[in-house]
N, C-alpha and C. Protein backbone atom coordinates (compact mmCIF):
# COMPACT_ATOMS: atom_id res chain seq x y z
N MET A 1 26.48 -5.21 8.81
CA MET A 1 25.42 -4.27 9.82
C MET A 1 24.39 -3.82 8.53
N LYS A 2 24.73 -3.39 8.07
CA LYS A 2 23.97 -2.93 6.82
C LYS A 2 22.70 -4.48 6.66
N VAL A 3 22.99 -5.05 6.37
CA VAL A 3 22.02 -6.34 6.18
C VAL A 3 21.47 -6.46 7.29
N VAL A 4 21.80 -6.40 8.76
CA VAL A 4 20.51 -6.01 9.87
C VAL A 4 19.95 -4.98 10.23
N GLN A 5 20.62 -4.00 9.56
CA GLN A 5 20.08 -2.90 9.46
C GLN A 5 18.84 -2.61 9.10
N LYS A 6 18.58 -3.50 7.24
CA LYS A 6 17.42 -4.01 6.36
C LYS A 6 16.68 -4.54 6.81
N LEU A 7 17.15 -5.68 7.37
CA LEU A 7 15.91 -6.37 8.31
C LEU A 7 15.40 -6.12 8.72
N SER A 8 16.03 -5.18 10.09
CA SER A 8 15.44 -4.63 11.08
C SER A 8 14.45 -3.31 10.76
N ARG A 9 14.83 -2.40 9.82
CA ARG A 9 13.85 -1.41 9.14
C ARG A 9 12.82 -2.53 8.36
N GLY A 10 12.72 -3.25 8.02
CA GLY A 10 11.94 -4.30 7.34
C GLY A 10 10.67 -4.76 7.61
N ALA A 11 11.07 -5.29 8.99
CA ALA A 11 10.05 -5.90 10.03
C ALA A 11 9.56 -5.02 10.41
N MET A 12 10.06 -3.58 10.68
CA MET A 12 9.46 -2.79 11.54
C MET A 12 8.63 -1.83 10.71
N ALA A 13 8.82 -2.04 9.14
CA ALA A 13 7.77 -1.98 8.28
C ALA A 13 6.65 -2.41 8.36
N ALA A 14 6.89 -3.82 8.38
CA ALA A 14 5.75 -4.79 8.18
C ALA A 14 5.21 -4.88 9.58
N ALA A 15 6.15 -4.12 10.55
CA ALA A 15 5.00 -4.55 12.16
C ALA A 15 3.94 -3.12 12.12
N LEU A 16 4.63 -1.60 11.11
CA LEU A 16 3.21 -0.96 11.10
C LEU A 16 2.78 -0.90 10.61
N TYR A 17 2.73 -1.43 9.42
CA TYR A 17 1.54 -2.07 8.76
C TYR A 17 0.50 -2.60 8.87
N VAL A 18 0.75 -3.48 9.63
CA VAL A 18 0.22 -4.53 10.26
C VAL A 18 -1.08 -3.70 11.75
N VAL A 19 0.10 -2.86 12.60
CA VAL A 19 -0.64 -1.91 13.49
C VAL A 19 -1.66 -0.93 12.95
N LEU A 20 -1.10 -0.19 11.82
CA LEU A 20 -2.55 0.42 10.96
C LEU A 20 -3.65 -0.07 10.80
N CYS A 21 -3.39 -1.25 10.23
CA CYS A 21 -4.43 -1.67 9.87
C CYS A 21 -5.14 -2.35 11.45
N VAL A 22 -4.69 -2.71 12.00
CA VAL A 22 -5.22 -3.26 13.16
C VAL A 22 -6.16 -1.57 14.43
N VAL A 23 -5.26 -0.26 13.75
CA VAL A 23 -6.03 0.49 14.69
C VAL A 23 -7.25 0.96 13.66
N PHE A 24 -6.62 1.39 12.46
CA PHE A 24 -7.74 1.64 11.60
C PHE A 24 -8.71 0.09 11.16
N GLN A 25 -9.19 -0.47 11.77
CA GLN A 25 -9.82 -1.81 11.29
C GLN A 25 -11.07 -1.37 10.56
N PHE A 26 -11.60 -0.37 10.78
CA PHE A 26 -12.96 -0.25 10.78
C PHE A 26 -12.81 0.56 9.65
N MET A 27 -11.77 1.19 8.83
CA MET A 27 -12.03 1.49 7.42
C MET A 27 -11.38 0.82 5.91
N SER A 28 -9.78 -0.04 6.60
CA SER A 28 -9.46 -0.94 6.44
C SER A 28 -9.37 -2.13 5.34
N PHE A 29 -10.86 -2.66 5.46
CA PHE A 29 -11.36 -3.75 5.42
C PHE A 29 -12.57 -3.46 4.94
N GLY A 30 -12.95 -4.44 3.61
CA GLY A 30 -14.34 -4.15 3.32
C GLY A 30 -14.49 -3.48 1.97
N PRO A 31 -16.40 -3.07 1.68
CA PRO A 31 -16.14 -2.57 -0.11
C PRO A 31 -15.37 -1.38 -0.49
N VAL A 32 -15.40 -0.53 1.02
CA VAL A 32 -14.87 0.58 0.60
C VAL A 32 -14.06 0.93 1.57
N GLN A 33 -13.01 0.85 0.90
CA GLN A 33 -11.70 0.85 1.73
C GLN A 33 -11.28 2.17 1.38
N VAL A 34 -10.54 2.47 3.08
CA VAL A 34 -9.26 3.88 2.82
C VAL A 34 -8.42 3.11 4.54
N ARG A 35 -7.44 2.12 3.36
CA ARG A 35 -6.49 1.36 4.12
C ARG A 35 -5.26 2.55 4.09
N VAL A 36 -5.24 3.19 5.25
CA VAL A 36 -4.16 4.14 6.00
C VAL A 36 -2.43 3.49 5.51
N ALA A 37 -2.01 1.99 6.33
CA ALA A 37 -1.49 1.17 6.14
C ALA A 37 -0.72 1.33 4.62
N GLU A 38 -1.58 1.39 3.51
CA GLU A 38 -1.78 1.79 2.51
C GLU A 38 -0.39 2.81 1.35
N ALA A 39 -0.27 3.63 2.93
CA ALA A 39 0.59 4.98 2.63
C ALA A 39 2.04 4.42 2.68
N LEU A 40 2.37 3.40 3.43
CA LEU A 40 3.57 3.05 3.60
C LEU A 40 4.59 2.31 1.97
N CYS A 41 2.80 1.96 1.21
CA CYS A 41 3.82 1.39 0.23
C CYS A 41 4.79 2.60 -1.06
N LEU A 42 4.07 3.57 -0.05
CA LEU A 42 5.70 4.60 -1.18
C LEU A 42 6.91 4.54 -0.47
N LEU A 43 7.21 3.17 0.92
CA LEU A 43 8.14 3.17 1.27
C LEU A 43 9.69 2.92 0.39
N PRO A 44 8.90 1.87 -0.67
CA PRO A 44 10.44 1.29 -1.03
C PRO A 44 11.02 2.90 -2.40
N VAL A 45 10.27 3.92 -2.42
CA VAL A 45 11.25 4.98 -2.93
C VAL A 45 12.64 5.19 -2.09
N PHE A 46 12.73 4.02 -0.92
CA PHE A 46 13.95 4.64 0.22
C PHE A 46 14.58 3.23 0.06
N GLY A 47 13.82 2.52 -0.56
CA GLY A 47 14.82 1.34 -0.76
C GLY A 47 14.66 0.19 -1.21
N ALA A 48 14.84 -1.39 -1.78
CA ALA A 48 14.51 -2.29 -2.36
C ALA A 48 13.90 -2.80 -1.12
N GLU A 49 14.46 -3.43 0.10
CA GLU A 49 13.69 -4.00 0.67
C GLU A 49 12.27 -3.87 1.45
N TYR A 50 12.43 -2.43 1.04
CA TYR A 50 10.75 -2.21 1.67
C TYR A 50 9.89 -2.58 0.56
N ILE A 51 10.65 -3.25 -0.51
CA ILE A 51 9.11 -3.85 -1.06
C ILE A 51 8.66 -5.54 -0.69
N ALA A 52 9.65 -6.44 0.40
CA ALA A 52 9.35 -7.39 0.90
C ALA A 52 8.71 -6.75 2.01
N ALA A 53 8.88 -5.99 2.95
CA ALA A 53 8.44 -5.20 3.78
C ALA A 53 6.79 -4.81 3.85
N VAL A 54 7.06 -4.38 2.80
CA VAL A 54 5.29 -3.44 3.21
C VAL A 54 4.18 -5.12 2.37
N THR A 55 4.74 -5.74 1.67
CA THR A 55 4.39 -7.27 1.22
C THR A 55 4.01 -7.50 2.36
N LEU A 56 4.92 -8.17 3.22
CA LEU A 56 4.54 -8.56 4.19
C LEU A 56 3.64 -8.05 5.15
N GLY A 57 3.88 -7.12 5.50
CA GLY A 57 2.98 -6.73 6.33
C GLY A 57 1.36 -6.49 6.18
N CYS A 58 0.77 -6.54 4.72
CA CYS A 58 -0.08 -6.24 3.83
C CYS A 58 -0.55 -8.04 3.67
N PHE A 59 0.34 -8.65 4.23
CA PHE A 59 0.10 -10.92 3.60
C PHE A 59 -0.62 -10.57 5.07
N LEU A 60 0.07 -10.32 6.39
CA LEU A 60 -0.07 -10.83 7.72
C LEU A 60 -1.26 -10.00 7.85
N SER A 61 -1.50 -8.78 7.72
CA SER A 61 -2.91 -8.24 8.15
C SER A 61 -4.13 -8.54 7.23
N ASN A 62 -4.27 -8.88 6.05
CA ASN A 62 -5.03 -10.03 5.16
C ASN A 62 -5.38 -11.26 5.88
N LEU A 63 -4.09 -12.10 6.24
CA LEU A 63 -4.58 -13.18 6.49
C LEU A 63 -4.75 -13.04 8.37
N LEU A 64 -4.70 -11.91 9.08
CA LEU A 64 -6.07 -12.20 9.92
C LEU A 64 -6.81 -11.31 10.36
N PHE A 65 -7.33 -10.13 9.54
CA PHE A 65 -8.38 -9.70 9.33
C PHE A 65 -9.53 -9.68 7.96
N SER A 66 -8.85 -11.13 7.35
CA SER A 66 -9.77 -10.58 6.33
C SER A 66 -9.78 -12.11 5.58
N VAL A 67 -10.67 -12.38 4.29
CA VAL A 67 -10.24 -13.99 4.02
C VAL A 67 -9.45 -13.88 2.67
N TRP A 68 -9.53 -15.00 2.30
CA TRP A 68 -8.26 -15.94 1.42
C TRP A 68 -8.03 -15.28 0.35
N GLN A 69 -9.55 -14.36 -0.27
CA GLN A 69 -9.09 -13.41 -1.59
C GLN A 69 -8.30 -12.54 -1.29
N ASP A 70 -8.50 -11.55 -0.52
CA ASP A 70 -8.13 -10.90 0.20
C ASP A 70 -6.13 -10.94 0.37
N VAL A 71 -5.62 -12.08 0.54
CA VAL A 71 -4.48 -13.09 1.30
C VAL A 71 -3.93 -12.75 -0.35
N VAL A 72 -4.48 -13.44 -0.85
CA VAL A 72 -4.05 -13.46 -2.51
C VAL A 72 -4.24 -12.59 -3.19
N PHE A 73 -5.27 -11.72 -3.21
CA PHE A 73 -5.53 -10.64 -4.26
C PHE A 73 -4.87 -9.44 -3.85
N GLY A 74 -5.07 -9.59 -2.32
CA GLY A 74 -4.79 -7.52 -2.23
C GLY A 74 -3.22 -7.76 -1.82
N THR A 75 -2.48 -8.90 -1.41
CA THR A 75 -1.04 -8.80 -1.28
C THR A 75 -0.28 -9.05 -2.26
N LEU A 76 -0.92 -9.32 -3.47
CA LEU A 76 -0.53 -9.30 -4.79
C LEU A 76 -0.50 -7.79 -5.34
N ALA A 77 -1.47 -7.42 -5.11
CA ALA A 77 -1.95 -6.13 -5.23
C ALA A 77 -0.59 -5.42 -4.81
N THR A 78 -0.45 -5.32 -3.75
CA THR A 78 0.65 -4.40 -2.86
C THR A 78 2.02 -4.99 -3.36
N PHE A 79 2.06 -5.71 -3.72
CA PHE A 79 3.78 -6.38 -4.17
C PHE A 79 4.06 -6.03 -4.99
N LEU A 80 2.82 -5.54 -6.45
CA LEU A 80 3.23 -5.35 -7.82
C LEU A 80 3.68 -3.37 -7.78
N ALA A 81 2.19 -3.25 -6.62
CA ALA A 81 2.33 -1.93 -6.73
C ALA A 81 3.85 -1.12 -5.76
N CYS A 82 4.29 -2.44 -5.03
CA CYS A 82 5.27 -1.41 -4.17
C CYS A 82 6.93 -1.79 -4.93
N LEU A 83 6.63 -3.08 -6.12
CA LEU A 83 7.51 -3.01 -6.86
C LEU A 83 7.58 -1.96 -8.45
N ALA A 84 6.28 -1.42 -8.83
CA ALA A 84 6.26 0.13 -9.39
C ALA A 84 6.87 0.82 -8.73
N THR A 85 6.46 1.08 -7.47
CA THR A 85 6.89 2.08 -6.96
C THR A 85 8.42 2.70 -6.64
N TYR A 86 8.73 0.82 -6.80
CA TYR A 86 10.56 1.51 -6.43
C TYR A 86 10.78 1.58 -7.74
N ARG A 87 10.66 1.36 -9.01
CA ARG A 87 11.00 1.51 -10.04
C ARG A 87 10.61 2.97 -10.37
N LEU A 88 9.71 3.62 -9.95
CA LEU A 88 9.83 5.07 -10.01
C LEU A 88 10.43 5.85 -9.08
N ARG A 89 11.18 5.35 -8.29
CA ARG A 89 11.54 6.03 -6.88
C ARG A 89 11.79 7.22 -6.81
N GLY A 90 12.98 7.68 -8.24
CA GLY A 90 13.27 9.02 -8.50
C GLY A 90 12.74 10.29 -8.72
N ALA A 91 11.49 9.72 -9.04
CA ALA A 91 11.08 10.51 -10.42
C ALA A 91 10.19 11.46 -9.33
N ARG A 92 10.08 12.98 -9.62
CA ARG A 92 9.39 13.99 -9.17
C ARG A 92 8.49 14.95 -9.80
N VAL A 93 7.28 14.85 -9.14
CA VAL A 93 6.43 16.68 -9.85
C VAL A 93 6.93 17.47 -8.69
N ARG A 94 7.53 18.56 -8.86
CA ARG A 94 7.21 19.98 -7.97
C ARG A 94 8.34 19.34 -7.05
N GLY A 95 9.18 18.68 -7.23
CA GLY A 95 9.68 17.92 -5.42
C GLY A 95 8.96 16.69 -4.80
N LEU A 96 7.83 16.42 -5.34
CA LEU A 96 7.02 15.42 -4.37
C LEU A 96 7.28 14.05 -5.38
N ALA A 97 6.86 13.12 -4.80
CA ALA A 97 6.99 11.73 -5.23
C ALA A 97 5.61 11.08 -5.77
N LEU A 98 5.07 12.32 -6.42
CA LEU A 98 3.71 11.52 -6.87
C LEU A 98 3.81 10.86 -8.12
N PRO A 99 4.97 10.38 -8.94
CA PRO A 99 4.37 9.54 -9.15
C PRO A 99 4.42 8.09 -8.58
N ALA A 100 5.63 7.90 -7.97
CA ALA A 100 5.21 7.23 -7.43
C ALA A 100 4.05 6.01 -5.96
N ALA A 101 3.05 7.30 -6.20
CA ALA A 101 1.95 7.09 -5.49
C ALA A 101 1.16 6.63 -6.43
N VAL A 102 1.22 6.30 -8.14
CA VAL A 102 0.70 5.91 -8.80
C VAL A 102 -0.01 4.73 -8.99
N PRO A 103 1.53 3.66 -8.93
CA PRO A 103 1.31 2.06 -8.40
C PRO A 103 0.31 1.83 -7.54
N PRO A 104 0.03 2.03 -6.57
CA PRO A 104 -0.55 1.38 -5.55
C PRO A 104 -2.29 2.03 -5.71
N VAL A 105 -2.69 3.23 -6.69
CA VAL A 105 -3.48 3.21 -6.98
C VAL A 105 -4.05 2.03 -7.86
N VAL A 106 -3.51 2.28 -9.39
CA VAL A 106 -3.80 1.79 -10.11
C VAL A 106 -4.01 -0.16 -9.55
N ALA A 107 -2.91 -0.23 -9.06
CA ALA A 107 -2.66 -1.96 -9.31
C ALA A 107 -4.01 -2.06 -7.83
N ASN A 108 -4.18 -1.46 -7.22
CA ASN A 108 -5.23 -1.83 -6.25
C ASN A 108 -6.54 -1.22 -6.75
N ALA A 109 -6.75 -0.26 -7.76
CA ALA A 109 -8.01 -0.58 -8.47
C ALA A 109 -8.34 -1.67 -9.59
N LEU A 110 -7.59 -2.16 -10.44
CA LEU A 110 -7.44 -2.66 -11.41
C LEU A 110 -7.61 -4.82 -10.48
N ILE A 111 -7.14 -4.28 -9.24
CA ILE A 111 -6.36 -6.27 -8.63
C ILE A 111 -7.63 -6.54 -7.73
N VAL A 112 -7.77 -5.37 -7.02
CA VAL A 112 -8.58 -5.43 -5.31
C VAL A 112 -10.24 -4.82 -6.12
N GLY A 113 -10.92 -3.83 -6.73
CA GLY A 113 -11.30 -3.86 -7.46
C GLY A 113 -12.36 -4.77 -7.49
N PRO A 114 -11.82 -5.81 -9.09
CA PRO A 114 -12.54 -6.89 -9.44
C PRO A 114 -12.20 -7.86 -8.21
N GLU A 115 -11.96 -8.29 -7.34
CA GLU A 115 -11.91 -9.18 -6.12
C GLU A 115 -13.48 -8.82 -5.30
N ILE A 116 -13.09 -7.69 -5.07
CA ILE A 116 -14.47 -6.95 -4.56
C ILE A 116 -15.83 -7.40 -4.78
N ALA A 117 -15.53 -6.97 -6.21
CA ALA A 117 -16.84 -7.19 -6.60
C ALA A 117 -17.13 -8.67 -7.45
N VAL A 118 -16.43 -9.45 -7.32
CA VAL A 118 -16.60 -10.59 -7.93
C VAL A 118 -16.79 -11.91 -6.75
N PHE A 119 -16.03 -11.58 -5.22
CA PHE A 119 -16.02 -12.74 -4.34
C PHE A 119 -17.26 -11.72 -3.38
N PHE A 120 -17.45 -10.75 -3.05
CA PHE A 120 -18.16 -9.90 -1.72
C PHE A 120 -19.61 -9.19 -2.22
N GLY A 121 -19.90 -9.33 -3.45
CA GLY A 121 -20.83 -8.44 -4.01
C GLY A 121 -22.32 -9.41 -3.74
N THR A 122 -23.47 -7.87 -3.64
CA THR A 122 -25.08 -9.17 -3.33
C THR A 122 -25.45 -9.63 -4.50
N GLY A 123 -24.84 -8.91 -5.25
CA GLY A 123 -25.61 -9.71 -7.22
C GLY A 123 -24.31 -9.88 -7.86
N PRO A 124 -24.63 -9.97 -9.46
CA PRO A 124 -23.96 -10.88 -10.43
C PRO A 124 -22.71 -9.31 -10.30
N ALA A 125 -21.64 -10.25 -10.23
CA ALA A 125 -20.34 -9.51 -11.03
C ALA A 125 -20.70 -8.40 -12.49
N THR A 126 -21.64 -7.76 -12.72
CA THR A 126 -21.27 -7.17 -13.72
C THR A 126 -20.74 -6.00 -14.12
N LEU A 127 -20.29 -5.64 -15.51
CA LEU A 127 -19.42 -4.17 -15.74
C LEU A 127 -19.30 -3.21 -14.60
N PRO A 128 -20.59 -2.63 -14.75
CA PRO A 128 -21.08 -1.46 -13.92
C PRO A 128 -20.41 -1.41 -12.54
N VAL A 129 -20.82 -3.15 -11.63
CA VAL A 129 -20.40 -3.14 -10.57
C VAL A 129 -18.61 -2.99 -10.51
N ILE A 130 -18.02 -3.72 -11.15
CA ILE A 130 -16.98 -4.42 -11.33
C ILE A 130 -16.49 -2.31 -11.68
N LEU A 131 -16.80 -2.06 -12.40
CA LEU A 131 -16.38 -0.20 -12.05
C LEU A 131 -16.48 -0.02 -10.98
N PHE A 132 -17.50 0.12 -10.52
CA PHE A 132 -17.82 0.97 -9.07
C PHE A 132 -16.69 0.52 -7.83
N ASP A 133 -16.38 -0.36 -8.08
CA ASP A 133 -15.83 -0.83 -7.10
C ASP A 133 -14.30 -0.70 -7.25
N MET A 134 -13.90 -0.53 -8.52
CA MET A 134 -12.50 -0.20 -9.10
C MET A 134 -12.49 1.27 -8.50
N VAL A 135 -13.67 1.95 -8.77
CA VAL A 135 -13.66 3.32 -8.28
C VAL A 135 -13.44 3.53 -7.10
N THR A 136 -14.10 2.73 -6.06
CA THR A 136 -14.40 2.99 -4.86
C THR A 136 -13.02 2.57 -4.33
N VAL A 137 -12.63 1.32 -4.64
CA VAL A 137 -10.93 0.95 -4.48
C VAL A 137 -9.85 2.24 -4.03
N GLY A 138 -9.66 2.35 -5.94
CA GLY A 138 -8.93 3.73 -6.57
C GLY A 138 -9.04 4.62 -5.00
N VAL A 139 -10.33 5.12 -5.65
CA VAL A 139 -10.27 6.39 -4.77
C VAL A 139 -9.65 6.40 -3.29
N GLY A 140 -10.26 5.49 -2.95
CA GLY A 140 -9.62 5.42 -1.09
C GLY A 140 -7.94 5.20 -1.14
N GLU A 141 -7.09 4.80 -2.17
CA GLU A 141 -5.78 4.81 -2.55
C GLU A 141 -5.48 5.45 -3.11
N VAL A 142 -6.42 6.59 -3.53
CA VAL A 142 -5.85 8.14 -3.94
C VAL A 142 -5.58 8.94 -2.69
N VAL A 143 -6.33 8.80 -1.43
CA VAL A 143 -6.32 9.62 -0.33
C VAL A 143 -5.34 9.07 0.43
N VAL A 144 -4.84 7.76 0.35
CA VAL A 144 -3.93 7.36 1.05
C VAL A 144 -2.55 7.75 0.49
N CYS A 145 -2.58 7.16 -1.01
CA CYS A 145 -0.95 6.63 -1.27
C CYS A 145 -0.63 8.23 -1.84
N MET A 146 -1.61 8.94 -2.52
CA MET A 146 -1.09 10.34 -2.71
C MET A 146 -1.50 11.64 -2.34
N GLY A 147 -2.00 11.23 -1.39
CA GLY A 147 -2.17 12.10 -0.02
C GLY A 147 -1.37 11.83 1.05
N LEU A 148 -1.46 10.95 2.50
CA LEU A 148 -0.84 10.80 3.35
C LEU A 148 0.96 9.83 2.72
N GLY A 149 0.67 9.08 1.85
CA GLY A 149 2.29 8.28 1.22
C GLY A 149 3.04 9.54 0.73
N VAL A 150 2.53 10.44 -0.09
CA VAL A 150 3.21 11.27 -0.63
C VAL A 150 3.82 12.40 0.69
N LEU A 151 2.85 12.53 1.17
CA LEU A 151 3.28 13.54 2.80
C LEU A 151 4.49 12.54 3.82
N LEU A 152 4.36 11.39 3.63
CA LEU A 152 5.06 10.74 4.74
C LEU A 152 6.64 10.90 3.53
N VAL A 153 7.08 10.24 2.43
CA VAL A 153 7.92 10.85 1.83
C VAL A 153 8.85 12.06 1.78
N ALA A 154 7.87 12.88 1.57
CA ALA A 154 8.62 14.54 2.01
C ALA A 154 8.88 14.38 3.68
N ALA A 155 8.20 14.25 4.57
CA ALA A 155 8.52 14.42 5.12
C ALA A 155 9.58 13.99 5.74
N ILE A 156 9.75 12.64 5.05
CA ILE A 156 11.29 11.47 5.65
C ILE A 156 12.76 12.32 4.71
N GLU A 157 12.14 13.02 3.87
CA GLU A 157 13.29 13.20 2.91
C GLU A 157 13.63 14.78 3.73
N LYS A 158 12.67 15.74 3.99
CA LYS A 158 13.29 17.02 4.61
C LYS A 158 14.16 17.25 5.99
N ASN A 159 13.93 15.63 6.97
CA ASN A 159 14.32 16.06 8.34
C ASN A 159 15.40 14.30 8.33
N ALA A 160 16.12 15.16 8.34
CA ALA A 160 17.60 13.71 8.81
C ALA A 160 17.19 12.91 9.77
N ALA A 161 16.59 13.14 10.83
CA ALA A 161 16.51 12.10 11.88
C ALA A 161 15.99 11.62 11.01
N LEU A 162 14.58 11.01 10.29
CA LEU A 162 13.60 10.44 9.85
C LEU A 162 14.46 9.64 9.04
N ARG A 163 15.20 10.06 8.23
CA ARG A 163 16.10 9.30 7.02
C ARG A 163 17.02 8.57 7.57
N ALA A 164 17.43 9.21 8.71
CA ALA A 164 18.62 7.43 8.85
C ALA A 164 17.57 6.94 9.21
N LEU A 165 16.35 6.67 9.65
CA LEU A 165 15.72 5.55 10.59
C LEU A 165 15.30 4.61 9.48
N VAL A 166 14.54 5.50 8.01
CA VAL A 166 14.23 5.13 6.89
C VAL A 166 15.69 4.31 6.26
N LYS A 167 16.24 4.87 5.88
CA LYS A 167 17.24 5.06 4.33
C LYS A 167 18.73 4.57 5.29
N THR A 168 19.69 3.63 4.15
CA THR A 168 20.75 2.68 4.74
C THR A 168 21.89 3.98 4.12
C-alpha cells in the first residue's frame, strides 16, 4: 500500500509542477524567470520519492513549453537541487527549512543562468552576460524557493491534514 501511496503522491506532485507552469507560463520560461512550480523543489524534505516526481514535472514542463536545452539543463538543475534538498531535509533555521531552499537557488543559477546566456543571448556569452543571467535566475529562485517553498514546507509541517497528504 505504501508503494502505491508514494507513486500517487509523486504523480500528483509532477502533475502539479506542470499545472503551475501552465498557469504561470508567462513568467516560467525565458531569460528572466520566476517559476512558481520551483517551490515544489522543497518537497523532497518530506521524502525521497519527491526527487523523481519534481524532476519529472520539470522535464515534462520543459518538454511541452521550452526548448531542448532547457529539457536537458533545466531538468538537470532541478534533479540536482532536489537531491541536495533531500540531503538537507532535517536542517532548520529558526524552525524553517531555509537550508533546504538553497540548493534550487544555487543549481539553477549555476546551470540555467549560463544556459540562457550561451543559447539564448542576443550577443556573445561574455562573462558579464553569463553573470547577469545567473543573478536573474538566482533572484527568481530566491523569491520562489526561499519564499513560497519555505512557506509551503512550514504550512505542511504545521497542518496535520496536509502532512497526511504529503508524508507516508
